[in-house]
Amino acid sequence: LNKLPDERRKPVRAELIRLLRMAPEQRPARLANEDFAHRYSPEEQQILKDLSTTLPEDYPLAGR
């Protein structure tokens, strides 16, 4: 996430927060959503999939 260009880091981070606020069983539907696929590059999608499934629930993330 930190290696993304500045202009992409903010929207990807906002999506990550959105995913982390969802119940874990709701995330696959969001990750498979057509809007999600169009909004984020394949690299960004992978970052979001990885982080939203591996970060512990108590991970300190501002805005969460």
Protein backbone atom coordinates (compact mmCIF):
# COMPACT_ATOMS: atom_id res chain seq x y z
CA LEU A 1 0.00 0.00 0.00
CA ASN A 2 2.77 2.42 0.89
CA LYS A 3 4.44 1.85 -2.48
CA LEU A 4 1.42 3.08 -4.44
CA PRO A 5 1.59 6.56 -6.00
CA ASP A 6 0.28 9.29 -3.69
CA GLU A 7 -2.86 9.86 -5.78
CA ARG A 8 -3.85 6.18 -5.48
CA ARG A 9 -2.89 5.60 -1.87
CA LYS A 10 -5.80 7.62 -0.42
CA PRO A 11 -8.65 5.91 -2.35
CA VAL A 12 -7.15 2.45 -1.81
CA ARG A 13 -6.74 3.13 1.90
CA ALA A 14 -10.37 4.35 2.11
CA GLU A 15 -11.51 1.12 0.45
CA LEU A 16 -9.43 -0.93 2.86
CA ILE A 17 -11.12 0.80 5.79
CA ARG A 18 -14.51 0.11 4.18
CA LEU A 19 -13.63 -3.57 3.80
CA LEU A 20 -12.35 -3.85 7.35
CA ARG A 21 -15.56 -2.34 8.71
CA MET A 22 -17.62 -5.01 6.91
CA ALA A 23 -18.39 -8.35 8.43
CA PRO A 24 -15.82 -10.86 7.11
CA GLU A 25 -18.55 -12.86 5.35
CA GLN A 26 -19.58 -9.74 3.35
CA ARG A 27 -16.11 -8.97 1.98
CA PRO A 28 -16.02 -11.59 -0.80
CA ALA A 29 -19.09 -10.04 -2.42
CA ARG A 30 -17.48 -6.59 -2.39
CA LEU A 31 -14.19 -7.96 -3.74
CA ALA A 32 -16.06 -9.70 -6.58
CA ASN A 33 -18.16 -6.62 -7.39
CA GLU A 34 -17.82 -5.23 -10.93
CA ASP A 35 -17.45 -1.66 -9.60
CA PHE A 36 -14.54 -2.81 -7.44
CA ALA A 37 -12.83 -4.37 -10.46
CA HIS A 38 -13.19 -1.17 -12.51
CA ARG A 39 -12.17 1.18 -9.74
CA TYR A 40 -8.89 -0.53 -8.76
CA SER A 41 -5.97 -1.88 -10.76
CA PRO A 42 -5.14 -5.58 -10.46
CA GLU A 43 -2.25 -4.69 -8.14
CA GLU A 44 -4.53 -2.55 -5.95
CA GLN A 45 -7.15 -5.30 -5.89
CA GLN A 46 -4.57 -7.79 -4.69
CA ILE A 47 -3.37 -5.41 -1.97
CA LEU A 48 -6.95 -4.92 -0.78
CA LYS A 49 -7.72 -8.64 -0.85
CA ASP A 50 -4.55 -9.50 1.04
CA LEU A 51 -4.84 -6.81 3.70
CA SER A 52 -8.58 -7.19 4.27
CA THR A 53 -8.17 -10.89 4.96
CA THR A 54 -4.92 -10.90 6.94
CA LEU A 55 -4.92 -7.83 9.19
CA PRO A 56 -5.98 -8.62 12.75
CA GLU A 57 -9.27 -7.08 13.85
CA ASP A 58 -7.52 -4.89 16.42
CA TYR A 59 -4.98 -3.51 13.92
CA PRO A 60 -4.74 0.26 14.53
CA LEU A 61 -5.91 1.98 11.37
CA ALA A 62 -7.06 5.59 11.57
CA GLY A 63 -10.62 6.08 10.38
CA ARG A 64 -11.65 2.56 11.25
